[in-house]
Amino acid sequence: MKIYSYYAELYSYKEYIRSLIKNEGINVNLEDIFTSFDKSILSREHIHKYTYTQMDEIRFSIMRLFIYYFSKSVQEHSFKQEDYIHFFKFIKKQKTKSPTTIITTNWDTLIEEYCERNKIKYDYGFKIPYTNMHDNACESDIILLKIHGSANWLRCLHCGAFLVFKKGEAAKSLFEDGKNETCTVCGQGESFNAPSLQPEIITPTMLKSFANCLYLNIWSAASKALREATEVIFIGYSFPIADFDFRYMLQKSISTKARIDVVLHENDNPEQTESKNLQSLFPEKRYRDAFPKNTLRFFYNGFSDYFSCYSS
């Protein structure tokens, strides 16, 4: 069994958002922003001139804008990039050999769209009732576990129904002019000028919460897949210390017998410096510390080069 942690696209989007903020002359960190929001809301404390209820409203609005941005980015994607083409050729070959699970923290739906274009059937691995806006009930080729939620997942604030939308429909339901924001289960729309649908994503914060049933099930499925894995491939993931929830699950679940391939950028290669102190700051050191008994292989030419060998 093979596991793939798919991170590359998330970081490019986050850097794009950071660049926009920088161009506006605002020096901020997304994690700091959302951690401040969450701390204020949980503690029911005001920050400067904003009340905790206002902080909650601002946080909620930014989450909805994330849905719009990521949905729009997928719609504008060319789907002709060689790196992704190599990756999904590899996935198509693997589905005939052994069960494949992709674990990702990305919110975008690029993987889903590439799967549909390559006739790869995917399953989100849910164990709770939900309303699916597209037919995905047939047997799947891969399991796609989105442990931080997805841009096409919304939850009704009236009945609690969990809704899965296809492509950019989630963004349209939130922002399209003249279209009422309505739950497809209970039929309730906006009340008292308040939104009725909530984006189902885990924001970049140090106070992440995975307590609801949806994320408990997804994280449980991810842990099970990792325990059964004989090979694990990390793509573009630097194994940051701050990502302690995911790090803990990886270290706890991955067998010492599993082979681990780590695919990173050339800038992540510790051999570019002779300083031992500087080398210890690179991702390779964190991987070796976390998995001292595993067979580890590192690749520093990006995931296009890595998967081109398999897809030829």
C-alpha atoms as a PDB file:
ATOM      1  CA  MET A   1       0.000   0.000   0.000  1.00  0.00           C
ATOM      2  CA  LYS A   2       1.259   3.505  -0.836  1.00  0.00           C
ATOM      3  CA  ILE A   3       0.455   6.837   0.841  1.00  0.00           C
ATOM      4  CA  TYR A   4       0.975  10.270  -0.691  1.00  0.00           C
ATOM      5  CA  SER A   5       1.048  13.529   1.271  1.00  0.00           C
ATOM      6  CA  TYR A   6       0.232  16.166  -1.294  1.00  0.00           C
ATOM      7  CA  TYR A   7       1.323  19.638  -0.165  1.00  0.00           C
ATOM      8  CA  ALA A   8       2.934  21.502  -3.055  1.00  0.00           C
ATOM      9  CA  GLU A   9      -0.064  23.465  -4.298  1.00  0.00           C
ATOM     10  CA  LEU A  10      -1.111  24.679  -0.846  1.00  0.00           C
ATOM     11  CA  TYR A  11       2.212  26.409  -0.258  1.00  0.00           C
ATOM     12  CA  SER A  12       2.148  28.165  -3.641  1.00  0.00           C
ATOM     13  CA  TYR A  13      -1.314  29.533  -2.876  1.00  0.00           C
ATOM     14  CA  LYS A  14      -0.338  30.602   0.632  1.00  0.00           C
ATOM     15  CA  GLU A  15       2.723  32.378  -0.756  1.00  0.00           C
ATOM     16  CA  TYR A  16       0.534  34.102  -3.334  1.00  0.00           C
ATOM     17  CA  ILE A  17      -1.746  35.423  -0.580  1.00  0.00           C
ATOM     18  CA  ARG A  18       1.303  36.511   1.405  1.00  0.00           C
ATOM     19  CA  SER A  19       2.676  38.354  -1.651  1.00  0.00           C
ATOM     20  CA  LEU A  20      -0.591  40.247  -2.075  1.00  0.00           C
ATOM     21  CA  ILE A  21      -0.501  41.282   1.576  1.00  0.00           C
ATOM     22  CA  LYS A  22       3.147  42.314   1.209  1.00  0.00           C
ATOM     23  CA  ASN A  23       2.338  44.427  -1.852  1.00  0.00           C
ATOM     24  CA  GLU A  24      -0.193  46.291   0.246  1.00  0.00           C
ATOM     25  CA  GLY A  25       2.569  47.113   2.720  1.00  0.00           C
ATOM     26  CA  ILE A  26       1.099  44.908   5.446  1.00  0.00           C
ATOM     27  CA  ASN A  27       3.631  42.731   7.247  1.00  0.00           C
ATOM     28  CA  VAL A  28       1.580  39.864   8.700  1.00  0.00           C
ATOM     29  CA  ASN A  29       1.638  36.097   9.082  1.00  0.00           C
ATOM     30  CA  LEU A  30      -1.496  34.092   8.226  1.00  0.00           C
ATOM     31  CA  GLU A  31      -0.959  31.703  11.128  1.00  0.00           C
ATOM     32  CA  ASP A  32      -0.617  34.652  13.523  1.00  0.00           C
ATOM     33  CA  ILE A  33      -3.798  36.244  12.189  1.00  0.00           C
ATOM     34  CA  PHE A  34      -5.975  33.166  12.587  1.00  0.00           C
ATOM     35  CA  THR A  35      -4.437  32.244  15.931  1.00  0.00           C
ATOM     36  CA  SER A  36      -5.360  35.727  17.199  1.00  0.00           C
ATOM     37  CA  PHE A  37      -8.882  35.301  15.864  1.00  0.00           C
ATOM     38  CA  ASP A  38      -9.295  31.905  17.505  1.00  0.00           C
ATOM     39  CA  LYS A  39      -7.768  32.958  20.832  1.00  0.00           C
ATOM     40  CA  SER A  40     -10.026  36.020  21.019  1.00  0.00           C
ATOM     41  CA  ILE A  41     -13.145  34.012  20.171  1.00  0.00           C
ATOM     42  CA  LEU A  42     -12.382  31.104  22.524  1.00  0.00           C
ATOM     43  CA  SER A  43     -11.438  33.433  25.389  1.00  0.00           C
ATOM     44  CA  ARG A  44     -14.339  35.804  24.629  1.00  0.00           C
ATOM     45  CA  GLU A  45     -11.919  38.719  24.840  1.00  0.00           C
ATOM     46  CA  HIS A  46     -11.676  41.886  22.757  1.00  0.00           C
ATOM     47  CA  ILE A  47      -8.551  42.850  20.800  1.00  0.00           C
ATOM     48  CA  HIS A  48      -7.874  46.570  20.436  1.00  0.00           C
ATOM     49  CA  LYS A  49     -11.014  48.137  18.955  1.00  0.00           C
ATOM     50  CA  TYR A  50     -12.595  44.823  17.882  1.00  0.00           C
ATOM     51  CA  THR A  51     -14.941  42.765  20.044  1.00  0.00           C
ATOM     52  CA  TYR A  52     -14.659  38.975  20.002  1.00  0.00           C
ATOM     53  CA  THR A  53     -17.963  38.796  18.080  1.00  0.00           C
ATOM     54  CA  GLN A  54     -16.535  41.124  15.435  1.00  0.00           C
ATOM     55  CA  MET A  55     -13.383  38.995  15.307  1.00  0.00           C
ATOM     56  CA  ASP A  56     -15.579  35.960  14.682  1.00  0.00           C
ATOM     57  CA  GLU A  57     -17.362  37.756  11.833  1.00  0.00           C
ATOM     58  CA  ILE A  58     -14.059  38.807  10.238  1.00  0.00           C
ATOM     59  CA  ARG A  59     -12.639  35.293  10.552  1.00  0.00           C
ATOM     60  CA  PHE A  60     -15.779  33.846   8.992  1.00  0.00           C
ATOM     61  CA  SER A  61     -15.616  36.298   6.080  1.00  0.00           C
ATOM     62  CA  ILE A  62     -11.970  35.450   5.371  1.00  0.00           C
ATOM     63  CA  MET A  63     -12.819  31.732   5.349  1.00  0.00           C
ATOM     64  CA  ARG A  64     -15.516  32.375   2.744  1.00  0.00           C
ATOM     65  CA  LEU A  65     -13.044  34.363   0.646  1.00  0.00           C
ATOM     66  CA  PHE A  66     -10.643  31.400   0.812  1.00  0.00           C
ATOM     67  CA  ILE A  67     -13.390  29.235  -0.714  1.00  0.00           C
ATOM     68  CA  TYR A  68     -13.861  31.729  -3.525  1.00  0.00           C
ATOM     69  CA  TYR A  69     -10.129  32.098  -4.173  1.00  0.00           C
ATOM     70  CA  PHE A  70      -9.304  28.387  -4.248  1.00  0.00           C
ATOM     71  CA  SER A  71     -12.332  27.578  -6.396  1.00  0.00           C
ATOM     72  CA  LYS A  72     -11.368  30.308  -8.861  1.00  0.00           C
ATOM     73  CA  SER A  73      -7.744  29.111  -8.948  1.00  0.00           C
ATOM     74  CA  VAL A  74      -8.825  25.593  -9.933  1.00  0.00           C
ATOM     75  CA  GLN A  75     -11.100  26.959 -12.656  1.00  0.00           C
ATOM     76  CA  GLU A  76      -8.173  28.939 -14.114  1.00  0.00           C
ATOM     77  CA  HIS A  77      -5.708  26.022 -13.902  1.00  0.00           C
ATOM     78  CA  SER A  78      -4.557  24.823 -17.350  1.00  0.00           C
ATOM     79  CA  PHE A  79      -4.440  21.099 -16.428  1.00  0.00           C
ATOM     80  CA  LYS A  80      -1.543  20.748 -18.867  1.00  0.00           C
ATOM     81  CA  GLN A  81       1.349  21.068 -16.424  1.00  0.00           C
ATOM     82  CA  GLU A  82       3.794  18.195 -16.830  1.00  0.00           C
ATOM     83  CA  ASP A  83       4.405  17.721 -13.113  1.00  0.00           C
ATOM     84  CA  TYR A  84       0.739  16.962 -12.447  1.00  0.00           C
ATOM     85  CA  ILE A  85       0.416  14.888 -15.613  1.00  0.00           C
ATOM     86  CA  HIS A  86       3.337  12.672 -14.509  1.00  0.00           C
ATOM     87  CA  PHE A  87       1.850  12.332 -11.036  1.00  0.00           C
ATOM     88  CA  PHE A  88      -1.563  11.195 -12.237  1.00  0.00           C
ATOM     89  CA  LYS A  89      -0.082   8.816 -14.816  1.00  0.00           C
ATOM     90  CA  PHE A  90       1.699   7.247 -11.870  1.00  0.00           C
ATOM     91  CA  ILE A  91      -1.554   7.101  -9.880  1.00  0.00           C
ATOM     92  CA  LYS A  92      -3.326   5.385 -12.799  1.00  0.00           C
ATOM     93  CA  LYS A  93      -0.596   2.743 -12.917  1.00  0.00           C
ATOM     94  CA  GLN A  94      -0.622   2.247  -9.163  1.00  0.00           C
ATOM     95  CA  LYS A  95      -4.375   1.687  -8.925  1.00  0.00           C
ATOM     96  CA  THR A  96      -3.930  -1.611 -10.762  1.00  0.00           C
ATOM     97  CA  LYS A  97      -1.185  -2.781  -8.380  1.00  0.00           C
ATOM     98  CA  SER A  98      -2.129  -1.851  -4.814  1.00  0.00           C
ATOM     99  CA  PRO A  99      -4.606   0.337  -2.885  1.00  0.00           C
ATOM    100  CA  THR A 100      -3.574   3.990  -2.954  1.00  0.00           C
ATOM    101  CA  THR A 101      -4.387   6.686  -0.405  1.00  0.00           C
ATOM    102  CA  ILE A 102      -3.643  10.391  -0.819  1.00  0.00           C
ATOM    103  CA  ILE A 103      -3.481  12.382   2.415  1.00  0.00           C
ATOM    104  CA  THR A 104      -3.508  16.143   1.925  1.00  0.00           C
ATOM    105  CA  THR A 105      -3.912  19.362   3.887  1.00  0.00           C
ATOM    106  CA  ASN A 106      -4.788  21.271   0.708  1.00  0.00           C
ATOM    107  CA  TRP A 107      -8.206  22.905   0.492  1.00  0.00           C
ATOM    108  CA  ASP A 108      -8.309  23.188  -3.312  1.00  0.00           C
ATOM    109  CA  THR A 109      -9.977  20.616  -5.570  1.00  0.00           C
ATOM    110  CA  LEU A 110      -7.159  20.172  -8.101  1.00  0.00           C
ATOM    111  CA  ILE A 111      -6.757  16.504  -7.211  1.00  0.00           C
ATOM    112  CA  GLU A 112     -10.469  15.845  -7.716  1.00  0.00           C
ATOM    113  CA  GLU A 113     -10.484  17.608 -11.081  1.00  0.00           C
ATOM    114  CA  TYR A 114      -7.391  15.752 -12.313  1.00  0.00           C
ATOM    115  CA  CYS A 115      -8.938  12.468 -11.156  1.00  0.00           C
ATOM    116  CA  GLU A 116     -12.113  13.144 -13.125  1.00  0.00           C
ATOM    117  CA  ARG A 117     -10.148  14.122 -16.224  1.00  0.00           C
ATOM    118  CA  ASN A 118      -8.073  10.930 -15.943  1.00  0.00           C
ATOM    119  CA  LYS A 119     -11.084   8.707 -15.157  1.00  0.00           C
ATOM    120  CA  ILE A 120      -9.772   7.916 -11.675  1.00  0.00           C
ATOM    121  CA  LYS A 121     -12.567   7.241  -9.185  1.00  0.00           C
ATOM    122  CA  TYR A 122     -11.928   8.736  -5.742  1.00  0.00           C
ATOM    123  CA  ASP A 123     -13.564   8.443  -2.340  1.00  0.00           C
ATOM    124  CA  TYR A 124     -13.266  10.990   0.490  1.00  0.00           C
ATOM    125  CA  GLY A 125     -13.391   8.220   3.091  1.00  0.00           C
ATOM    126  CA  PHE A 126     -16.345   9.710   4.989  1.00  0.00           C
ATOM    127  CA  LYS A 127     -18.153   7.637   7.600  1.00  0.00           C
ATOM    128  CA  ILE A 128     -20.962  10.134   8.206  1.00  0.00           C
ATOM    129  CA  PRO A 129     -24.100  10.947   6.169  1.00  0.00           C
ATOM    130  CA  TYR A 130     -23.668  13.813   3.730  1.00  0.00           C
ATOM    131  CA  THR A 131     -25.321  15.282   0.655  1.00  0.00           C
ATOM    132  CA  ASN A 132     -23.145  14.661  -2.374  1.00  0.00           C
ATOM    133  CA  MET A 133     -23.642  16.996  -5.327  1.00  0.00           C
ATOM    134  CA  HIS A 134     -22.035  14.537  -7.742  1.00  0.00           C
ATOM    135  CA  ASP A 135     -22.333  10.798  -8.235  1.00  0.00           C
ATOM    136  CA  ASN A 136     -19.385   9.141  -6.542  1.00  0.00           C
ATOM    137  CA  ALA A 137     -21.045   6.073  -5.087  1.00  0.00           C
ATOM    138  CA  CYS A 138     -19.253   3.514  -7.257  1.00  0.00           C
ATOM    139  CA  GLU A 139     -16.155   1.632  -6.138  1.00  0.00           C
ATOM    140  CA  SER A 140     -13.165   3.967  -5.933  1.00  0.00           C
ATOM    141  CA  ASP A 141      -9.631   3.645  -7.308  1.00  0.00           C
ATOM    142  CA  ILE A 142      -8.077   5.824  -4.594  1.00  0.00           C
ATOM    143  CA  ILE A 143      -8.949   7.181  -1.160  1.00  0.00           C
ATOM    144  CA  LEU A 144      -8.543  10.965  -0.861  1.00  0.00           C
ATOM    145  CA  LEU A 145      -8.304  12.106   2.768  1.00  0.00           C
ATOM    146  CA  LYS A 146      -8.430  15.908   3.131  1.00  0.00           C
ATOM    147  CA  ILE A 147      -7.531  16.244   6.791  1.00  0.00           C
ATOM    148  CA  HIS A 148      -7.882  20.055   6.837  1.00  0.00           C
ATOM    149  CA  GLY A 149     -11.162  20.167   4.921  1.00  0.00           C
ATOM    150  CA  SER A 150     -11.899  21.230   1.372  1.00  0.00           C
ATOM    151  CA  ALA A 151     -13.041  24.247  -0.646  1.00  0.00           C
ATOM    152  CA  ASN A 152     -16.056  22.268  -1.889  1.00  0.00           C
ATOM    153  CA  TRP A 153     -17.296  21.264   1.580  1.00  0.00           C
ATOM    154  CA  LEU A 154     -19.921  23.362   3.367  1.00  0.00           C
ATOM    155  CA  ARG A 155     -21.969  22.819   6.516  1.00  0.00           C
ATOM    156  CA  CYS A 156     -25.492  24.121   7.081  1.00  0.00           C
ATOM    157  CA  LEU A 157     -25.724  26.263  10.214  1.00  0.00           C
ATOM    158  CA  HIS A 158     -29.444  25.462  10.518  1.00  0.00           C
ATOM    159  CA  CYS A 159     -29.702  21.662  10.289  1.00  0.00           C
ATOM    160  CA  GLY A 160     -26.007  20.720  10.526  1.00  0.00           C
ATOM    161  CA  ALA A 161     -26.024  18.876   7.190  1.00  0.00           C
ATOM    162  CA  PHE A 162     -22.631  18.366   5.555  1.00  0.00           C
ATOM    163  CA  LEU A 163     -22.680  19.271   1.851  1.00  0.00           C
ATOM    164  CA  VAL A 164     -20.189  18.268  -0.838  1.00  0.00           C
ATOM    165  CA  PHE A 165     -20.302  20.388  -3.988  1.00  0.00           C
ATOM    166  CA  LYS A 166     -18.755  19.704  -7.376  1.00  0.00           C
ATOM    167  CA  LYS A 167     -16.090  21.967  -8.879  1.00  0.00           C
ATOM    168  CA  GLY A 168     -16.793  25.661  -8.177  1.00  0.00           C
ATOM    169  CA  GLU A 169     -20.391  25.241  -7.047  1.00  0.00           C
ATOM    170  CA  ALA A 170     -19.510  25.882  -3.394  1.00  0.00           C
ATOM    171  CA  ALA A 171     -18.083  29.306  -4.240  1.00  0.00           C
ATOM    172  CA  LYS A 172     -21.050  30.124  -6.471  1.00  0.00           C
ATOM    173  CA  SER A 173     -23.468  29.219  -3.691  1.00  0.00           C
ATOM    174  CA  LEU A 174     -21.735  31.742  -1.413  1.00  0.00           C
ATOM    175  CA  PHE A 175     -20.994  34.627  -3.770  1.00  0.00           C
ATOM    176  CA  GLU A 176     -23.020  34.480  -6.999  1.00  0.00           C
ATOM    177  CA  ASP A 177     -25.163  37.604  -7.358  1.00  0.00           C
ATOM    178  CA  GLY A 178     -28.887  36.944  -7.252  1.00  0.00           C
ATOM    179  CA  LYS A 179     -28.429  33.426  -5.883  1.00  0.00           C
ATOM    180  CA  ASN A 180     -29.750  32.663  -2.413  1.00  0.00           C
ATOM    181  CA  GLU A 181     -27.466  30.849  -0.005  1.00  0.00           C
ATOM    182  CA  THR A 182     -29.671  27.825   0.683  1.00  0.00           C
ATOM    183  CA  CYS A 183     -29.128  24.393   2.232  1.00  0.00           C
ATOM    184  CA  THR A 184     -30.109  21.586  -0.148  1.00  0.00           C
ATOM    185  CA  VAL A 185     -31.248  19.424   2.782  1.00  0.00           C
ATOM    186  CA  CYS A 186     -33.449  21.626   4.990  1.00  0.00           C
ATOM    187  CA  GLY A 187     -34.075  24.378   2.439  1.00  0.00           C
ATOM    188  CA  GLN A 188     -33.197  27.119   4.919  1.00  0.00           C
ATOM    189  CA  GLY A 189     -31.518  30.235   3.579  1.00  0.00           C
ATOM    190  CA  GLU A 190     -30.002  33.327   5.137  1.00  0.00           C
ATOM    191  CA  SER A 191     -31.755  34.589   8.257  1.00  0.00           C
ATOM    192  CA  PHE A 192     -31.390  38.047   9.813  1.00  0.00           C
ATOM    193  CA  ASN A 193     -28.756  38.833   7.151  1.00  0.00           C
ATOM    194  CA  ALA A 194     -26.570  36.068   8.579  1.00  0.00           C
ATOM    195  CA  PRO A 195     -25.019  33.346   6.371  1.00  0.00           C
ATOM    196  CA  SER A 196     -26.536  29.872   6.395  1.00  0.00           C
ATOM    197  CA  LEU A 197     -23.591  27.858   5.041  1.00  0.00           C
ATOM    198  CA  GLN A 198     -20.190  27.566   6.707  1.00  0.00           C
ATOM    199  CA  PRO A 199     -16.962  26.557   4.897  1.00  0.00           C
ATOM    200  CA  GLU A 200     -15.708  23.240   6.263  1.00  0.00           C
ATOM    201  CA  ILE A 201     -11.974  23.968   6.403  1.00  0.00           C
ATOM    202  CA  ILE A 202      -9.312  24.040   9.119  1.00  0.00           C
ATOM    203  CA  THR A 203      -7.655  27.459   8.952  1.00  0.00           C
ATOM    204  CA  PRO A 204      -3.884  28.057   9.375  1.00  0.00           C
ATOM    205  CA  THR A 205      -3.796  28.519  13.146  1.00  0.00           C
ATOM    206  CA  MET A 206      -1.859  27.206  16.119  1.00  0.00           C
ATOM    207  CA  LEU A 207      -5.206  26.405  17.790  1.00  0.00           C
ATOM    208  CA  LYS A 208      -6.491  23.794  15.349  1.00  0.00           C
ATOM    209  CA  SER A 209      -9.509  21.755  16.451  1.00  0.00           C
ATOM    210  CA  PHE A 210     -10.388  18.365  14.986  1.00  0.00           C
ATOM    211  CA  ALA A 211     -13.075  17.503  17.533  1.00  0.00           C
ATOM    212  CA  ASN A 212     -16.110  17.227  15.266  1.00  0.00           C
ATOM    213  CA  CYS A 213     -17.233  13.889  13.843  1.00  0.00           C
ATOM    214  CA  LEU A 214     -16.142  14.664  10.278  1.00  0.00           C
ATOM    215  CA  TYR A 215     -12.475  15.271  11.117  1.00  0.00           C
ATOM    216  CA  LEU A 216     -12.320  12.511  13.715  1.00  0.00           C
ATOM    217  CA  ASN A 217     -13.370  10.060  10.996  1.00  0.00           C
ATOM    218  CA  ILE A 218     -10.979  11.437   8.378  1.00  0.00           C
ATOM    219  CA  TRP A 219      -8.007  11.492  10.761  1.00  0.00           C
ATOM    220  CA  SER A 220      -8.862   7.980  11.946  1.00  0.00           C
ATOM    221  CA  ALA A 221      -8.917   6.779   8.326  1.00  0.00           C
ATOM    222  CA  ALA A 222      -5.578   8.509   7.667  1.00  0.00           C
ATOM    223  CA  SER A 223      -4.006   6.888  10.722  1.00  0.00           C
ATOM    224  CA  LYS A 224      -5.262   3.449   9.645  1.00  0.00           C
ATOM    225  CA  ALA A 225      -3.932   3.910   6.107  1.00  0.00           C
ATOM    226  CA  LEU A 226      -0.527   4.952   7.435  1.00  0.00           C
ATOM    227  CA  ARG A 227      -0.349   1.954   9.780  1.00  0.00           C
ATOM    228  CA  GLU A 228      -0.964  -0.399   6.853  1.00  0.00           C
ATOM    229  CA  ALA A 229       1.384   1.382   4.450  1.00  0.00           C
ATOM    230  CA  THR A 230       4.499  -0.336   3.146  1.00  0.00           C
ATOM    231  CA  GLU A 231       5.639   2.783   1.288  1.00  0.00           C
ATOM    232  CA  VAL A 232       5.049   6.458   2.106  1.00  0.00           C
ATOM    233  CA  ILE A 233       5.839   9.332  -0.264  1.00  0.00           C
ATOM    234  CA  PHE A 234       5.958  12.909   1.040  1.00  0.00           C
ATOM    235  CA  ILE A 235       5.646  15.613  -1.627  1.00  0.00           C
ATOM    236  CA  GLY A 236       6.789  19.155  -0.892  1.00  0.00           C
ATOM    237  CA  TYR A 237       6.284  18.774   2.850  1.00  0.00           C
ATOM    238  CA  SER A 238       9.027  20.282   5.023  1.00  0.00           C
ATOM    239  CA  PHE A 239       7.878  18.499   8.213  1.00  0.00           C
ATOM    240  CA  PRO A 240       7.611  21.765  10.208  1.00  0.00           C
ATOM    241  CA  ILE A 241       7.820  21.608  13.991  1.00  0.00           C
ATOM    242  CA  ALA A 242       4.697  23.786  14.333  1.00  0.00           C
ATOM    243  CA  ASP A 243       2.549  21.187  12.537  1.00  0.00           C
ATOM    244  CA  PHE A 244       2.484  19.075  15.696  1.00  0.00           C
ATOM    245  CA  ASP A 245      -0.924  17.370  15.215  1.00  0.00           C
ATOM    246  CA  PHE A 246       0.013  15.933  11.837  1.00  0.00           C
ATOM    247  CA  ARG A 247       3.598  15.180  12.903  1.00  0.00           C
ATOM    248  CA  TYR A 248       2.283  13.215  15.886  1.00  0.00           C
ATOM    249  CA  MET A 249      -0.028  11.125  13.709  1.00  0.00           C
ATOM    250  CA  LEU A 250       2.743  10.411  11.198  1.00  0.00           C
ATOM    251  CA  GLN A 251       5.264   9.354  13.846  1.00  0.00           C
ATOM    252  CA  LYS A 252       2.706   7.274  15.722  1.00  0.00           C
ATOM    253  CA  SER A 253       1.160   5.551  12.699  1.00  0.00           C
ATOM    254  CA  ILE A 254       3.928   4.876  10.163  1.00  0.00           C
ATOM    255  CA  SER A 255       5.515   1.469  10.667  1.00  0.00           C
ATOM    256  CA  THR A 256       9.278   1.298  11.112  1.00  0.00           C
ATOM    257  CA  LYS A 257       9.245  -1.233   8.247  1.00  0.00           C
ATOM    258  CA  ALA A 258       7.729   1.245   5.779  1.00  0.00           C
ATOM    259  CA  ARG A 259      10.019   2.778   3.166  1.00  0.00           C
ATOM    260  CA  ILE A 260       9.795   6.572   3.054  1.00  0.00           C
ATOM    261  CA  ASP A 261      10.531   8.720  -0.001  1.00  0.00           C
ATOM    262  CA  VAL A 262      10.718  12.492   0.529  1.00  0.00           C
ATOM    263  CA  VAL A 263      10.334  14.671  -2.576  1.00  0.00           C
ATOM    264  CA  LEU A 264      11.452  18.268  -2.052  1.00  0.00           C
ATOM    265  CA  HIS A 265      12.755  21.313  -3.939  1.00  0.00           C
ATOM    266  CA  GLU A 266      16.447  21.779  -4.732  1.00  0.00           C
ATOM    267  CA  ASN A 267      16.522  24.683  -2.263  1.00  0.00           C
ATOM    268  CA  ASP A 268      15.756  22.182   0.511  1.00  0.00           C
ATOM    269  CA  ASN A 269      18.941  20.195  -0.120  1.00  0.00           C
ATOM    270  CA  PRO A 270      21.240  20.454   2.949  1.00  0.00           C
ATOM    271  CA  GLU A 271      24.299  19.782   0.764  1.00  0.00           C
ATOM    272  CA  GLN A 272      24.110  23.339  -0.561  1.00  0.00           C
ATOM    273  CA  THR A 273      25.873  24.418   2.628  1.00  0.00           C
ATOM    274  CA  GLU A 274      28.911  22.993   4.434  1.00  0.00           C
ATOM    275  CA  SER A 275      27.837  24.321   7.820  1.00  0.00           C
ATOM    276  CA  LYS A 276      26.605  21.519  10.082  1.00  0.00           C
ATOM    277  CA  ASN A 277      24.562  24.011  12.083  1.00  0.00           C
ATOM    278  CA  LEU A 278      22.768  25.250   8.973  1.00  0.00           C
ATOM    279  CA  GLN A 279      22.253  21.706   7.665  1.00  0.00           C
ATOM    280  CA  SER A 280      20.376  20.866  10.860  1.00  0.00           C
ATOM    281  CA  LEU A 281      17.759  23.472   9.923  1.00  0.00           C
ATOM    282  CA  PHE A 282      16.798  21.728   6.675  1.00  0.00           C
ATOM    283  CA  PRO A 283      13.798  19.340   6.389  1.00  0.00           C
ATOM    284  CA  GLU A 284      16.017  16.254   5.990  1.00  0.00           C
ATOM    285  CA  LYS A 285      17.191  16.532   9.608  1.00  0.00           C
ATOM    286  CA  ARG A 286      13.592  16.678  10.884  1.00  0.00           C
ATOM    287  CA  TYR A 287      12.659  13.607   8.853  1.00  0.00           C
ATOM    288  CA  ARG A 288      15.642  11.604  10.084  1.00  0.00           C
ATOM    289  CA  ASP A 289      14.898  12.570  13.689  1.00  0.00           C
ATOM    290  CA  ALA A 290      11.231  11.603  13.330  1.00  0.00           C
ATOM    291  CA  PHE A 291      11.834   8.263  11.566  1.00  0.00           C
ATOM    292  CA  PRO A 292      15.236   6.990  12.797  1.00  0.00           C
ATOM    293  CA  LYS A 293      14.455   3.318  12.079  1.00  0.00           C
ATOM    294  CA  ASN A 294      12.941   3.718   8.610  1.00  0.00           C
ATOM    295  CA  THR A 295      14.654   3.508   5.242  1.00  0.00           C
ATOM    296  CA  LEU A 296      14.602   7.103   4.001  1.00  0.00           C
ATOM    297  CA  ARG A 297      15.333   8.384   0.492  1.00  0.00           C
ATOM    298  CA  PHE A 298      15.458  12.082  -0.402  1.00  0.00           C
ATOM    299  CA  PHE A 299      14.849  13.577  -3.857  1.00  0.00           C
ATOM    300  CA  TYR A 300      15.597  17.251  -4.499  1.00  0.00           C
ATOM    301  CA  ASN A 301      14.507  17.779  -8.114  1.00  0.00           C
ATOM    302  CA  GLY A 302      10.797  18.272  -7.449  1.00  0.00           C
ATOM    303  CA  PHE A 303       7.872  15.929  -7.900  1.00  0.00           C
ATOM    304  CA  SER A 304       7.743  16.263 -11.705  1.00  0.00           C
ATOM    305  CA  ASP A 305      11.190  14.659 -11.998  1.00  0.00           C
ATOM    306  CA  TYR A 306      10.371  12.040  -9.356  1.00  0.00           C
ATOM    307  CA  PHE A 307       7.177  10.798 -10.999  1.00  0.00           C
ATOM    308  CA  SER A 308       8.407  11.089 -14.597  1.00  0.00           C
ATOM    309  CA  CYS A 309      10.552   8.013 -13.926  1.00  0.00           C
ATOM    310  CA  TYR A 310       7.430   6.046 -13.012  1.00  0.00           C
ATOM    311  CA  SER A 311       5.125   7.360 -15.738  1.00  0.00           C
ATOM    312  CA  SER A 312       7.406   6.718 -18.715  1.00  0.00           C
END
